[in-house]
PDB file of N, CA and C in Angstrom:
ATOM      1  N   MET A   1      -6.998  23.698  -7.618  1.00  0.00           N
ATOM      2  CA  MET A   1      -6.873  24.801  -6.679  1.00  0.00           C
ATOM      3  C   MET A   1      -6.053  25.907  -7.346  1.00  0.00           C
ATOM      4  N   ALA A   2      -6.484  27.129  -7.198  1.00  0.00           N
ATOM      5  CA  ALA A   2      -5.725  28.266  -7.713  1.00  0.00           C
ATOM      6  C   ALA A   2      -4.700  28.695  -6.668  1.00  0.00           C
ATOM      7  N   TRP A   3      -3.609  29.281  -7.120  1.00  0.00           N
ATOM      8  CA  TRP A   3      -2.548  29.683  -6.192  1.00  0.00           C
ATOM      9  C   TRP A   3      -3.069  30.665  -5.151  1.00  0.00           C
ATOM     10  N   THR A   4      -4.055  31.465  -5.512  1.00  0.00           N
ATOM     11  CA  THR A   4      -4.593  32.439  -4.568  1.00  0.00           C
ATOM     12  C   THR A   4      -5.468  31.794  -3.490  1.00  0.00           C
ATOM     13  N   ASP A   5      -5.814  30.512  -3.660  1.00  0.00           N
ATOM     14  CA  ASP A   5      -6.596  29.799  -2.648  1.00  0.00           C
ATOM     15  C   ASP A   5      -5.756  29.403  -1.436  1.00  0.00           C
ATOM     16  N   TYR A   6      -4.441  29.426  -1.577  1.00  0.00           N
ATOM     17  CA  TYR A   6      -3.564  29.092  -0.452  1.00  0.00           C
ATOM     18  C   TYR A   6      -3.615  30.231   0.565  1.00  0.00           C
ATOM     19  N   SER A   7      -3.758  29.896   1.820  1.00  0.00           N
ATOM     20  CA  SER A   7      -3.868  30.932   2.863  1.00  0.00           C
ATOM     21  C   SER A   7      -2.603  31.777   2.975  1.00  0.00           C
ATOM     22  N   THR A   8      -1.486  31.261   2.484  1.00  0.00           N
ATOM     23  CA  THR A   8      -0.216  31.989   2.581  1.00  0.00           C
ATOM     24  C   THR A   8       0.187  32.660   1.261  1.00  0.00           C
ATOM     25  N   ALA A   9      -0.753  32.734   0.302  1.00  0.00           N
ATOM     26  CA  ALA A   9      -0.443  33.325  -1.007  1.00  0.00           C
ATOM     27  C   ALA A   9       0.073  34.754  -0.845  1.00  0.00           C
ATOM     28  N   PRO A  10       1.202  35.054  -1.474  1.00  0.00           N
ATOM     29  CA  PRO A  10       1.764  36.404  -1.360  1.00  0.00           C
ATOM     30  C   PRO A  10       0.973  37.424  -2.179  1.00  0.00           C
ATOM     31  N   ALA A  11       1.042  38.661  -1.773  1.00  0.00           N
ATOM     32  CA  ALA A  11       0.348  39.751  -2.463  1.00  0.00           C
ATOM     33  C   ALA A  11       1.079  40.108  -3.752  1.00  0.00           C
ATOM     34  N   PRO A  12       0.342  40.591  -4.756  1.00  0.00           N
ATOM     35  CA  PRO A  12       0.991  41.099  -5.961  1.00  0.00           C
ATOM     36  C   PRO A  12       2.031  42.155  -5.577  1.00  0.00           C
ATOM     37  N   GLY A  13       3.157  42.125  -6.275  1.00  0.00           N
ATOM     38  CA  GLY A  13       4.235  43.067  -5.989  1.00  0.00           C
ATOM     39  C   GLY A  13       5.268  42.528  -5.017  1.00  0.00           C
ATOM     40  N   THR A  14       5.004  41.361  -4.420  1.00  0.00           N
ATOM     41  CA  THR A  14       5.972  40.759  -3.501  1.00  0.00           C
ATOM     42  C   THR A  14       7.240  40.382  -4.266  1.00  0.00           C
ATOM     43  N   PRO A  15       8.413  40.885  -3.852  1.00  0.00           N
ATOM     44  CA  PRO A  15       9.658  40.525  -4.529  1.00  0.00           C
ATOM     45  C   PRO A  15      10.039  39.067  -4.254  1.00  0.00           C
ATOM     46  N   ILE A  16      10.576  38.412  -5.288  1.00  0.00           N
ATOM     47  CA  ILE A  16      10.956  37.007  -5.160  1.00  0.00           C
ATOM     48  C   ILE A  16      12.468  36.823  -5.269  1.00  0.00           C
ATOM     49  N   ALA A  17      13.032  37.271  -6.380  1.00  0.00           N
ATOM     50  CA  ALA A  17      14.460  37.082  -6.649  1.00  0.00           C
ATOM     51  C   ALA A  17      14.832  37.987  -7.820  1.00  0.00           C
ATOM     52  N   THR A  18      16.125  38.027  -8.122  1.00  0.00           N
ATOM     53  CA  THR A  18      16.557  38.724  -9.325  1.00  0.00           C
ATOM     54  C   THR A  18      16.675  37.699 -10.447  1.00  0.00           C
ATOM     55  N   LEU A  19      16.558  38.159 -11.680  1.00  0.00           N
ATOM     56  CA  LEU A  19      16.704  37.259 -12.832  1.00  0.00           C
ATOM     57  C   LEU A  19      18.034  36.527 -12.795  1.00  0.00           C
ATOM     58  N   SER A  20      19.078  37.211 -12.381  1.00  0.00           N
ATOM     59  CA  SER A  20      20.415  36.598 -12.376  1.00  0.00           C
ATOM     60  C   SER A  20      20.537  35.461 -11.367  1.00  0.00           C
ATOM     61  N   GLU A  21      19.638  35.402 -10.373  1.00  0.00           N
ATOM     62  CA  GLU A  21      19.684  34.342  -9.365  1.00  0.00           C
ATOM     63  C   GLU A  21      19.002  33.049  -9.821  1.00  0.00           C
ATOM     64  N   VAL A  22      18.226  33.120 -10.904  1.00  0.00           N
ATOM     65  CA  VAL A  22      17.419  31.975 -11.314  1.00  0.00           C
ATOM     66  C   VAL A  22      17.977  31.333 -12.580  1.00  0.00           C
ATOM     67  N   SER A  23      18.305  30.041 -12.460  1.00  0.00           N
ATOM     68  CA  SER A  23      18.684  29.256 -13.634  1.00  0.00           C
ATOM     69  C   SER A  23      18.119  27.856 -13.422  1.00  0.00           C
ATOM     70  N   GLY A  24      17.610  27.265 -14.477  1.00  0.00           N
ATOM     71  CA  GLY A  24      16.996  25.949 -14.337  1.00  0.00           C
ATOM     72  C   GLY A  24      15.767  26.029 -13.457  1.00  0.00           C
ATOM     73  N   ALA A  25      15.639  25.092 -12.531  1.00  0.00           N
ATOM     74  CA  ALA A  25      14.512  25.081 -11.585  1.00  0.00           C
ATOM     75  C   ALA A  25      15.025  25.439 -10.202  1.00  0.00           C
ATOM     76  N   MET A  26      14.259  26.264  -9.508  1.00  0.00           N
ATOM     77  CA  MET A  26      14.654  26.734  -8.181  1.00  0.00           C
ATOM     78  C   MET A  26      13.426  26.731  -7.282  1.00  0.00           C
ATOM     79  N   THR A  27      13.537  26.103  -6.115  1.00  0.00           N
ATOM     80  CA  THR A  27      12.433  26.125  -5.162  1.00  0.00           C
ATOM     81  C   THR A  27      12.801  27.031  -3.989  1.00  0.00           C
ATOM     82  N   LEU A  28      11.800  27.706  -3.447  1.00  0.00           N
ATOM     83  CA  LEU A  28      12.036  28.565  -2.304  1.00  0.00           C
ATOM     84  C   LEU A  28      10.740  28.748  -1.522  1.00  0.00           C
ATOM     85  N   MET A  29      10.880  29.191  -0.299  1.00  0.00           N
ATOM     86  CA  MET A  29       9.733  29.520   0.548  1.00  0.00           C
ATOM     87  C   MET A  29       9.696  31.026   0.697  1.00  0.00           C
ATOM     88  N   LEU A  30       8.583  31.616   0.312  1.00  0.00           N
ATOM     89  CA  LEU A  30       8.405  33.052   0.517  1.00  0.00           C
ATOM     90  C   LEU A  30       7.796  33.256   1.891  1.00  0.00           C
ATOM     91  N   ASP A  31       8.441  34.070   2.705  1.00  0.00           N
ATOM     92  CA  ASP A  31       7.906  34.387   4.031  1.00  0.00           C
ATOM     93  C   ASP A  31       7.022  35.612   3.917  1.00  0.00           C
ATOM     94  N   GLY A  32       5.798  35.481   4.403  1.00  0.00           N
ATOM     95  CA  GLY A  32       4.870  36.605   4.375  1.00  0.00           C
ATOM     96  C   GLY A  32       4.117  36.705   5.682  1.00  0.00           C
ATOM     97  N   PRO A  33       3.243  37.684   5.783  1.00  0.00           N
ATOM     98  CA  PRO A  33       2.476  37.889   7.019  1.00  0.00           C
ATOM     99  C   PRO A  33       1.625  36.677   7.412  1.00  0.00           C
ATOM    100  N   GLN A  34       1.165  35.901   6.406  1.00  0.00           N
ATOM    101  CA  GLN A  34       0.323  34.742   6.693  1.00  0.00           C
ATOM    102  C   GLN A  34       1.117  33.450   6.866  1.00  0.00           C
ATOM    103  N   GLY A  35       2.417  33.488   6.620  1.00  0.00           N
ATOM    104  CA  GLY A  35       3.237  32.288   6.743  1.00  0.00           C
ATOM    105  C   GLY A  35       4.057  32.040   5.488  1.00  0.00           C
ATOM    106  N   GLU A  36       4.553  30.821   5.347  1.00  0.00           N
ATOM    107  CA  GLU A  36       5.428  30.468   4.229  1.00  0.00           C
ATOM    108  C   GLU A  36       4.622  29.975   3.025  1.00  0.00           C
ATOM    109  N   PHE A  37       5.052  30.402   1.839  1.00  0.00           N
ATOM    110  CA  PHE A  37       4.413  30.009   0.588  1.00  0.00           C
ATOM    111  C   PHE A  37       5.449  29.268  -0.256  1.00  0.00           C
ATOM    112  N   PRO A  38       5.182  27.997  -0.642  1.00  0.00           N
ATOM    113  CA  PRO A  38       6.143  27.204  -1.417  1.00  0.00           C
ATOM    114  C   PRO A  38       6.109  27.576  -2.896  1.00  0.00           C
ATOM    115  N   LEU A  39       7.207  28.078  -3.423  1.00  0.00           N
ATOM    116  CA  LEU A  39       7.258  28.551  -4.801  1.00  0.00           C
ATOM    117  C   LEU A  39       8.307  27.786  -5.594  1.00  0.00           C
ATOM    118  N   LEU A  40       8.003  27.550  -6.852  1.00  0.00           N
ATOM    119  CA  LEU A  40       8.911  26.902  -7.787  1.00  0.00           C
ATOM    120  C   LEU A  40       9.094  27.842  -8.965  1.00  0.00           C
ATOM    121  N   LEU A  41      10.331  28.214  -9.254  1.00  0.00           N
ATOM    122  CA  LEU A  41      10.661  29.042 -10.413  1.00  0.00           C
ATOM    123  C   LEU A  41      11.379  28.185 -11.441  1.00  0.00           C
ATOM    124  N   VAL A  42      11.052  28.393 -12.715  1.00  0.00           N
ATOM    125  CA  VAL A  42      11.707  27.671 -13.807  1.00  0.00           C
ATOM    126  C   VAL A  42      12.132  28.701 -14.839  1.00  0.00           C
ATOM    127  N   ARG A  43      13.407  28.680 -15.188  1.00  0.00           N
ATOM    128  CA  ARG A  43      13.909  29.631 -16.181  1.00  0.00           C
ATOM    129  C   ARG A  43      14.256  28.897 -17.466  1.00  0.00           C
ATOM    130  N   ALA A  44      13.759  29.444 -18.565  1.00  0.00           N
ATOM    131  CA  ALA A  44      14.066  28.929 -19.902  1.00  0.00           C
ATOM    132  C   ALA A  44      14.467  30.126 -20.746  1.00  0.00           C
ATOM    133  N   GLY A  45      15.756  30.316 -20.942  1.00  0.00           N
ATOM    134  CA  GLY A  45      16.243  31.499 -21.645  1.00  0.00           C
ATOM    135  C   GLY A  45      15.939  32.734 -20.821  1.00  0.00           C
ATOM    136  N   GLU A  46      15.256  33.687 -21.412  1.00  0.00           N
ATOM    137  CA  GLU A  46      14.876  34.900 -20.682  1.00  0.00           C
ATOM    138  C   GLU A  46      13.543  34.743 -19.960  1.00  0.00           C
ATOM    139  N   ALA A  47      12.790  33.705 -20.285  1.00  0.00           N
ATOM    140  CA  ALA A  47      11.476  33.494 -19.669  1.00  0.00           C
ATOM    141  C   ALA A  47      11.615  32.837 -18.300  1.00  0.00           C
ATOM    142  N   VAL A  48      10.796  33.284 -17.347  1.00  0.00           N
ATOM    143  CA  VAL A  48      10.729  32.675 -16.023  1.00  0.00           C
ATOM    144  C   VAL A  48       9.267  32.339 -15.752  1.00  0.00           C
ATOM    145  N   HIS A  49       9.024  31.097 -15.336  1.00  0.00           N
ATOM    146  CA  HIS A  49       7.684  30.633 -15.009  1.00  0.00           C
ATOM    147  C   HIS A  49       7.657  30.308 -13.521  1.00  0.00           C
ATOM    148  N   ALA A  50       6.494  30.485 -12.900  1.00  0.00           N
ATOM    149  CA  ALA A  50       6.373  30.184 -11.468  1.00  0.00           C
ATOM    150  C   ALA A  50       5.139  29.329 -11.220  1.00  0.00           C
ATOM    151  N   TYR A  51       5.289  28.412 -10.268  1.00  0.00           N
ATOM    152  CA  TYR A  51       4.208  27.522  -9.854  1.00  0.00           C
ATOM    153  C   TYR A  51       4.264  27.365  -8.343  1.00  0.00           C
ATOM    154  N   VAL A  52       3.126  26.991  -7.761  1.00  0.00           N
ATOM    155  CA  VAL A  52       3.139  26.577  -6.367  1.00  0.00           C
ATOM    156  C   VAL A  52       3.940  25.281  -6.329  1.00  0.00           C
ATOM    157  N   ASN A  53       4.887  25.168  -5.425  1.00  0.00           N
ATOM    158  CA  ASN A  53       5.703  23.951  -5.334  1.00  0.00           C
ATOM    159  C   ASN A  53       4.905  22.881  -4.586  1.00  0.00           C
ATOM    160  N   ALA A  54       3.872  22.372  -5.256  1.00  0.00           N
ATOM    161  CA  ALA A  54       3.021  21.327  -4.694  1.00  0.00           C
ATOM    162  C   ALA A  54       2.442  20.513  -5.842  1.00  0.00           C
ATOM    163  N   CYS A  55       2.733  19.244  -5.868  1.00  0.00           N
ATOM    164  CA  CYS A  55       2.187  18.356  -6.882  1.00  0.00           C
ATOM    165  C   CYS A  55       0.674  18.266  -6.674  1.00  0.00           C
ATOM    166  N   PRO A  56      -0.135  18.454  -7.715  1.00  0.00           N
ATOM    167  CA  PRO A  56      -1.583  18.399  -7.539  1.00  0.00           C
ATOM    168  C   PRO A  56      -2.104  16.996  -7.204  1.00  0.00           C
ATOM    169  N   HIS A  57      -1.251  15.996  -7.301  1.00  0.00           N
ATOM    170  CA  HIS A  57      -1.658  14.630  -6.988  1.00  0.00           C
ATOM    171  C   HIS A  57      -1.707  14.389  -5.483  1.00  0.00           C
ATOM    172  N   GLN A  58      -0.654  14.808  -4.753  1.00  0.00           N
ATOM    173  CA  GLN A  58      -0.592  14.578  -3.313  1.00  0.00           C
ATOM    174  C   GLN A  58      -0.266  15.840  -2.510  1.00  0.00           C
ATOM    175  N   TYR A  59      -0.075  16.951  -3.183  1.00  0.00           N
ATOM    176  CA  TYR A  59       0.291  18.232  -2.575  1.00  0.00           C
ATOM    177  C   TYR A  59       1.579  18.176  -1.760  1.00  0.00           C
ATOM    178  N   LEU A  60       2.476  17.304  -2.172  1.00  0.00           N
ATOM    179  CA  LEU A  60       3.834  17.305  -1.631  1.00  0.00           C
ATOM    180  C   LEU A  60       4.671  18.207  -2.529  1.00  0.00           C
ATOM    181  N   PRO A  61       5.721  18.834  -2.015  1.00  0.00           N
ATOM    182  CA  PRO A  61       6.613  19.613  -2.880  1.00  0.00           C
ATOM    183  C   PRO A  61       7.192  18.727  -3.977  1.00  0.00           C
ATOM    184  N   LEU A  62       7.371  19.275  -5.178  1.00  0.00           N
ATOM    185  CA  LEU A  62       7.950  18.482  -6.258  1.00  0.00           C
ATOM    186  C   LEU A  62       9.327  17.962  -5.874  1.00  0.00           C
ATOM    187  N   ASP A  63      10.078  18.708  -5.084  1.00  0.00           N
ATOM    188  CA  ASP A  63      11.425  18.297  -4.671  1.00  0.00           C
ATOM    189  C   ASP A  63      11.417  17.574  -3.323  1.00  0.00           C
ATOM    190  N   TYR A  64      10.305  16.944  -2.973  1.00  0.00           N
ATOM    191  CA  TYR A  64      10.143  16.248  -1.692  1.00  0.00           C
ATOM    192  C   TYR A  64      11.237  15.215  -1.437  1.00  0.00           C
ATOM    193  N   ARG A  65      11.621  14.474  -2.473  1.00  0.00           N
ATOM    194  CA  ARG A  65      12.630  13.419  -2.311  1.00  0.00           C
ATOM    195  C   ARG A  65      13.961  13.748  -2.979  1.00  0.00           C
ATOM    196  N   GLY A  66      14.167  14.990  -3.334  1.00  0.00           N
ATOM    197  CA  GLY A  66      15.445  15.374  -3.931  1.00  0.00           C
ATOM    198  C   GLY A  66      15.296  16.575  -4.836  1.00  0.00           C
ATOM    199  N   PRO A  67      16.391  17.284  -5.076  1.00  0.00           N
ATOM    200  CA  PRO A  67      16.335  18.536  -5.820  1.00  0.00           C
ATOM    201  C   PRO A  67      16.264  18.394  -7.344  1.00  0.00           C
ATOM    202  N   GLN A  68      16.499  17.199  -7.877  1.00  0.00           N
ATOM    203  CA  GLN A  68      16.541  17.040  -9.333  1.00  0.00           C
ATOM    204  C   GLN A  68      15.126  16.903  -9.899  1.00  0.00           C
ATOM    205  N   ILE A  69      14.476  18.037 -10.178  1.00  0.00           N
ATOM    206  CA  ILE A  69      13.100  18.015 -10.683  1.00  0.00           C
ATOM    207  C   ILE A  69      12.976  18.454 -12.132  1.00  0.00           C
ATOM    208  N   LEU A  70      14.028  19.032 -12.703  1.00  0.00           N
ATOM    209  CA  LEU A  70      13.998  19.507 -14.087  1.00  0.00           C
ATOM    210  C   LEU A  70      14.724  18.524 -14.983  1.00  0.00           C
ATOM    211  N   SER A  71      14.106  18.179 -16.119  1.00  0.00           N
ATOM    212  CA  SER A  71      14.739  17.255 -17.056  1.00  0.00           C
ATOM    213  C   SER A  71      15.993  17.890 -17.647  1.00  0.00           C
ATOM    214  N   ALA A  72      16.863  17.074 -18.195  1.00  0.00           N
ATOM    215  CA  ALA A  72      18.131  17.549 -18.754  1.00  0.00           C
ATOM    216  C   ALA A  72      17.920  18.573 -19.861  1.00  0.00           C
ATOM    217  N   ASP A  73      16.840  18.430 -20.632  1.00  0.00           N
ATOM    218  CA  ASP A  73      16.583  19.388 -21.716  1.00  0.00           C
ATOM    219  C   ASP A  73      15.799  20.619 -21.238  1.00  0.00           C
ATOM    220  N   GLY A  74      15.423  20.645 -19.952  1.00  0.00           N
ATOM    221  CA  GLY A  74      14.722  21.787 -19.386  1.00  0.00           C
ATOM    222  C   GLY A  74      13.258  21.880 -19.764  1.00  0.00           C
ATOM    223  N   ALA A  75      12.711  20.843 -20.399  1.00  0.00           N
ATOM    224  CA  ALA A  75      11.337  20.897 -20.884  1.00  0.00           C
ATOM    225  C   ALA A  75      10.307  20.324 -19.914  1.00  0.00           C
ATOM    226  N   LYS A  76      10.749  19.500 -18.956  1.00  0.00           N
ATOM    227  CA  LYS A  76       9.793  18.819 -18.073  1.00  0.00           C
ATOM    228  C   LYS A  76      10.187  18.966 -16.615  1.00  0.00           C
ATOM    229  N   LEU A  77       9.165  19.009 -15.768  1.00  0.00           N
ATOM    230  CA  LEU A  77       9.334  18.986 -14.325  1.00  0.00           C
ATOM    231  C   LEU A  77       8.813  17.647 -13.824  1.00  0.00           C
ATOM    232  N   MET A  78       9.478  17.085 -12.808  1.00  0.00           N
ATOM    233  CA  MET A  78       9.052  15.802 -12.274  1.00  0.00           C
ATOM    234  C   MET A  78       8.828  15.903 -10.775  1.00  0.00           C
ATOM    235  N   CYS A  79       7.733  15.304 -10.322  1.00  0.00           N
ATOM    236  CA  CYS A  79       7.483  15.184  -8.893  1.00  0.00           C
ATOM    237  C   CYS A  79       8.339  14.032  -8.379  1.00  0.00           C
ATOM    238  N   THR A  80       9.214  14.315  -7.442  1.00  0.00           N
ATOM    239  CA  THR A  80      10.087  13.260  -6.910  1.00  0.00           C
ATOM    240  C   THR A  80       9.332  12.330  -5.969  1.00  0.00           C
ATOM    241  N   GLY A  81       8.140  12.720  -5.538  1.00  0.00           N
ATOM    242  CA  GLY A  81       7.340  11.882  -4.658  1.00  0.00           C
ATOM    243  C   GLY A  81       6.737  10.677  -5.359  1.00  0.00           C
ATOM    244  N   HIS A  82       6.235  10.884  -6.593  1.00  0.00           N
ATOM    245  CA  HIS A  82       5.619   9.754  -7.290  1.00  0.00           C
ATOM    246  C   HIS A  82       5.857   9.732  -8.793  1.00  0.00           C
ATOM    247  N   GLY A  83       6.690  10.622  -9.308  1.00  0.00           N
ATOM    248  CA  GLY A  83       7.108  10.551 -10.705  1.00  0.00           C
ATOM    249  C   GLY A  83       6.216  11.236 -11.717  1.00  0.00           C
ATOM    250  N   ALA A  84       5.192  11.972 -11.306  1.00  0.00           N
ATOM    251  CA  ALA A  84       4.356  12.696 -12.266  1.00  0.00           C
ATOM    252  C   ALA A  84       5.222  13.688 -13.034  1.00  0.00           C
ATOM    253  N   MET A  85       4.897  13.874 -14.312  1.00  0.00           N
ATOM    254  CA  MET A  85       5.658  14.781 -15.161  1.00  0.00           C
ATOM    255  C   MET A  85       4.769  15.924 -15.634  1.00  0.00           C
ATOM    256  N   PHE A  86       5.354  17.128 -15.698  1.00  0.00           N
ATOM    257  CA  PHE A  86       4.648  18.331 -16.104  1.00  0.00           C
ATOM    258  C   PHE A  86       5.489  19.099 -17.112  1.00  0.00           C
ATOM    259  N   GLU A  87       4.840  19.800 -18.019  1.00  0.00           N
ATOM    260  CA  GLU A  87       5.532  20.651 -18.974  1.00  0.00           C
ATOM    261  C   GLU A  87       6.076  21.865 -18.217  1.00  0.00           C
ATOM    262  N   ALA A  88       7.375  22.113 -18.324  1.00  0.00           N
ATOM    263  CA  ALA A  88       8.012  23.188 -17.553  1.00  0.00           C
ATOM    264  C   ALA A  88       7.487  24.571 -17.921  1.00  0.00           C
ATOM    265  N   ALA A  89       7.156  24.802 -19.187  1.00  0.00           N
ATOM    266  CA  ALA A  89       6.734  26.135 -19.628  1.00  0.00           C
ATOM    267  C   ALA A  89       5.286  26.459 -19.295  1.00  0.00           C
ATOM    268  N   THR A  90       4.458  25.428 -19.041  1.00  0.00           N
ATOM    269  CA  THR A  90       3.030  25.677 -18.804  1.00  0.00           C
ATOM    270  C   THR A  90       2.504  25.067 -17.509  1.00  0.00           C
ATOM    271  N   GLY A  91       3.206  24.052 -16.976  1.00  0.00           N
ATOM    272  CA  GLY A  91       2.719  23.347 -15.794  1.00  0.00           C
ATOM    273  C   GLY A  91       1.700  22.269 -16.113  1.00  0.00           C
ATOM    274  N   GLU A  92       1.366  22.099 -17.394  1.00  0.00           N
ATOM    275  CA  GLU A  92       0.374  21.104 -17.800  1.00  0.00           C
ATOM    276  C   GLU A  92       0.902  19.693 -17.561  1.00  0.00           C
ATOM    277  N   PRO A  93       0.020  18.764 -17.145  1.00  0.00           N
ATOM    278  CA  PRO A  93       0.468  17.394 -16.875  1.00  0.00           C
ATOM    279  C   PRO A  93       0.831  16.644 -18.150  1.00  0.00           C
ATOM    280  N   LEU A  94       1.899  15.869 -18.073  1.00  0.00           N
ATOM    281  CA  LEU A  94       2.311  15.001 -19.181  1.00  0.00           C
ATOM    282  C   LEU A  94       2.034  13.542 -18.848  1.00  0.00           C
ATOM    283  N   SER A  95       2.241  13.167 -17.584  1.00  0.00           N
ATOM    284  CA  SER A  95       1.938  11.803 -17.136  1.00  0.00           C
ATOM    285  C   SER A  95       1.887  11.773 -15.612  1.00  0.00           C
ATOM    286  N   GLY A  96       1.100  10.854 -15.073  1.00  0.00           N
ATOM    287  CA  GLY A  96       1.065  10.629 -13.629  1.00  0.00           C
ATOM    288  C   GLY A  96       0.218  11.578 -12.803  1.00  0.00           C
ATOM    289  N   ALA A  97      -0.446  12.538 -13.439  1.00  0.00           N
ATOM    290  CA  ALA A  97      -1.325  13.470 -12.722  1.00  0.00           C
ATOM    291  C   ALA A  97      -2.446  13.886 -13.665  1.00  0.00           C
ATOM    292  N   ASP A  98      -3.602  14.182 -13.102  1.00  0.00           N
ATOM    293  CA  ASP A  98      -4.755  14.566 -13.916  1.00  0.00           C
ATOM    294  C   ASP A  98      -4.912  16.067 -14.089  1.00  0.00           C
ATOM    295  N   CYS A  99      -4.209  16.858 -13.291  1.00  0.00           N
ATOM    296  CA  CYS A  99      -4.348  18.301 -13.411  1.00  0.00           C
ATOM    297  C   CYS A  99      -2.979  18.984 -13.351  1.00  0.00           C
ATOM    298  N   ALA A 100      -2.985  20.239 -13.781  1.00  0.00           N
ATOM    299  CA  ALA A 100      -1.744  21.001 -13.924  1.00  0.00           C
ATOM    300  C   ALA A 100      -1.241  21.541 -12.585  1.00  0.00           C
ATOM    301  N   LEU A 101       0.012  21.978 -12.606  1.00  0.00           N
ATOM    302  CA  LEU A 101       0.571  22.701 -11.473  1.00  0.00           C
ATOM    303  C   LEU A 101      -0.146  24.049 -11.364  1.00  0.00           C
ATOM    304  N   ASP A 102      -0.213  24.593 -10.165  1.00  0.00           N
ATOM    305  CA  ASP A 102      -0.854  25.885  -9.950  1.00  0.00           C
ATOM    306  C   ASP A 102       0.112  26.989 -10.350  1.00  0.00           C
ATOM    307  N   ARG A 103      -0.194  27.657 -11.455  1.00  0.00           N
ATOM    308  CA  ARG A 103       0.678  28.703 -11.996  1.00  0.00           C
ATOM    309  C   ARG A 103       0.546  29.983 -11.161  1.00  0.00           C
ATOM    310  N   VAL A 104       1.675  30.636 -10.944  1.00  0.00           N
ATOM    311  CA  VAL A 104       1.718  31.904 -10.206  1.00  0.00           C
ATOM    312  C   VAL A 104       2.185  32.987 -11.181  1.00  0.00           C
ATOM    313  N   PRO A 105       1.417  34.071 -11.331  1.00  0.00           N
ATOM    314  CA  PRO A 105       1.823  35.121 -12.277  1.00  0.00           C
ATOM    315  C   PRO A 105       3.039  35.899 -11.773  1.00  0.00           C
ATOM    316  N   LEU A 106       3.882  36.278 -12.715  1.00  0.00           N
ATOM    317  CA  LEU A 106       5.092  37.048 -12.398  1.00  0.00           C
ATOM    318  C   LEU A 106       5.152  38.301 -13.244  1.00  0.00           C
ATOM    319  N   VAL A 107       5.888  39.286 -12.759  1.00  0.00           N
ATOM    320  CA  VAL A 107       6.310  40.435 -13.554  1.00  0.00           C
ATOM    321  C   VAL A 107       7.790  40.639 -13.270  1.00  0.00           C
ATOM    322  N   VAL A 108       8.490  41.166 -14.248  1.00  0.00           N
ATOM    323  CA  VAL A 108       9.904  41.470 -14.071  1.00  0.00           C
ATOM    324  C   VAL A 108      10.085  42.966 -14.285  1.00  0.00           C
ATOM    325  N   GLU A 109      10.660  43.605 -13.281  1.00  0.00           N
ATOM    326  CA  GLU A 109      10.903  45.049 -13.348  1.00  0.00           C
ATOM    327  C   GLU A 109      12.357  45.317 -13.002  1.00  0.00           C
ATOM    328  N   GLY A 110      13.100  45.816 -13.984  1.00  0.00           N
ATOM    329  CA  GLY A 110      14.502  46.148 -13.753  1.00  0.00           C
ATOM    330  C   GLY A 110      15.328  44.966 -13.264  1.00  0.00           C
ATOM    331  N   GLY A 111      15.030  43.768 -13.756  1.00  0.00           N
ATOM    332  CA  GLY A 111      15.783  42.586 -13.361  1.00  0.00           C
ATOM    333  C   GLY A 111      15.289  41.925 -12.084  1.00  0.00           C
ATOM    334  N   LEU A 112      14.265  42.500 -11.434  1.00  0.00           N
ATOM    335  CA  LEU A 112      13.709  41.946 -10.207  1.00  0.00           C
ATOM    336  C   LEU A 112      12.399  41.220 -10.545  1.00  0.00           C
ATOM    337  N   ILE A 113      12.266  39.977 -10.069  1.00  0.00           N
ATOM    338  CA  ILE A 113      11.063  39.175 -10.285  1.00  0.00           C
ATOM    339  C   ILE A 113      10.109  39.427  -9.129  1.00  0.00           C
ATOM    340  N   LEU A 114       8.862  39.769  -9.467  1.00  0.00           N
ATOM    341  CA  LEU A 114       7.827  40.060  -8.478  1.00  0.00           C
ATOM    342  C   LEU A 114       6.592  39.199  -8.747  1.00  0.00           C
ATOM    343  N   ILE A 115       5.803  38.952  -7.708  1.00  0.00           N
ATOM    344  CA  ILE A 115       4.507  38.300  -7.887  1.00  0.00           C
ATOM    345  C   ILE A 115       3.638  39.251  -8.707  1.00  0.00           C
ATOM    346  N   GLY A 116       2.985  38.708  -9.728  1.00  0.00           N
ATOM    347  CA  GLY A 116       2.131  39.522 -10.599  1.00  0.00           C
ATOM    348  C   GLY A 116       0.688  39.508 -10.163  1.00  0.00           C
ATOM    349  N   GLN A 117      -0.105  40.203 -10.907  1.00  0.00           N
ATOM    350  CA  GLN A 117      -1.547  40.281 -10.677  1.00  0.00           C
ATOM    351  C   GLN A 117      -2.187  39.059 -11.317  1.00  0.00           C
ATOM    352  N   ASP A 118      -3.134  38.430 -10.635  1.00  0.00           N
ATOM    353  CA  ASP A 118      -3.835  37.274 -11.181  1.00  0.00           C
ATOM    354  C   ASP A 118      -4.758  37.749 -12.298  1.00  0.00           C
ATOM    355  N   ALA A 119      -4.682  37.083 -13.446  1.00  0.00           N
ATOM    356  CA  ALA A 119      -5.491  37.453 -14.601  1.00  0.00           C
ATOM    357  C   ALA A 119      -6.958  37.083 -14.427  1.00  0.00           C
ATOM    358  N   GLY A 120      -7.233  36.150 -13.516  1.00  0.00           N
ATOM    359  CA  GLY A 120      -8.603  35.660 -13.343  1.00  0.00           C
ATOM    360  C   GLY A 120      -9.366  36.558 -12.483  1.00  0.00           C
TER     361      GLY A 120
END
């Protein structure tokens, strides 16, 4: 499923957070006209990656059973529901799931993180 397939997908340009607010992995719900959208942000140095906060195996939030979803080295994300592992920088599955996390495009303007335009 693509992130834009969610009925609550935010429009491009929707503000999310400032760069200074994001370190490690951060989950949040974006409130929009269609309802709440579950978002997962991962920061690695200056890079910020975003995914729908839903494991593709069961569509439960990755932090369903606790907030510790990022590995100590910051390279992997783990679904607390069943232990599937994903590469933090790409969302690609490493173990326990057959498909990747749904990536959400971002843009950063003046230190503000916004939903980006879908490349597809």
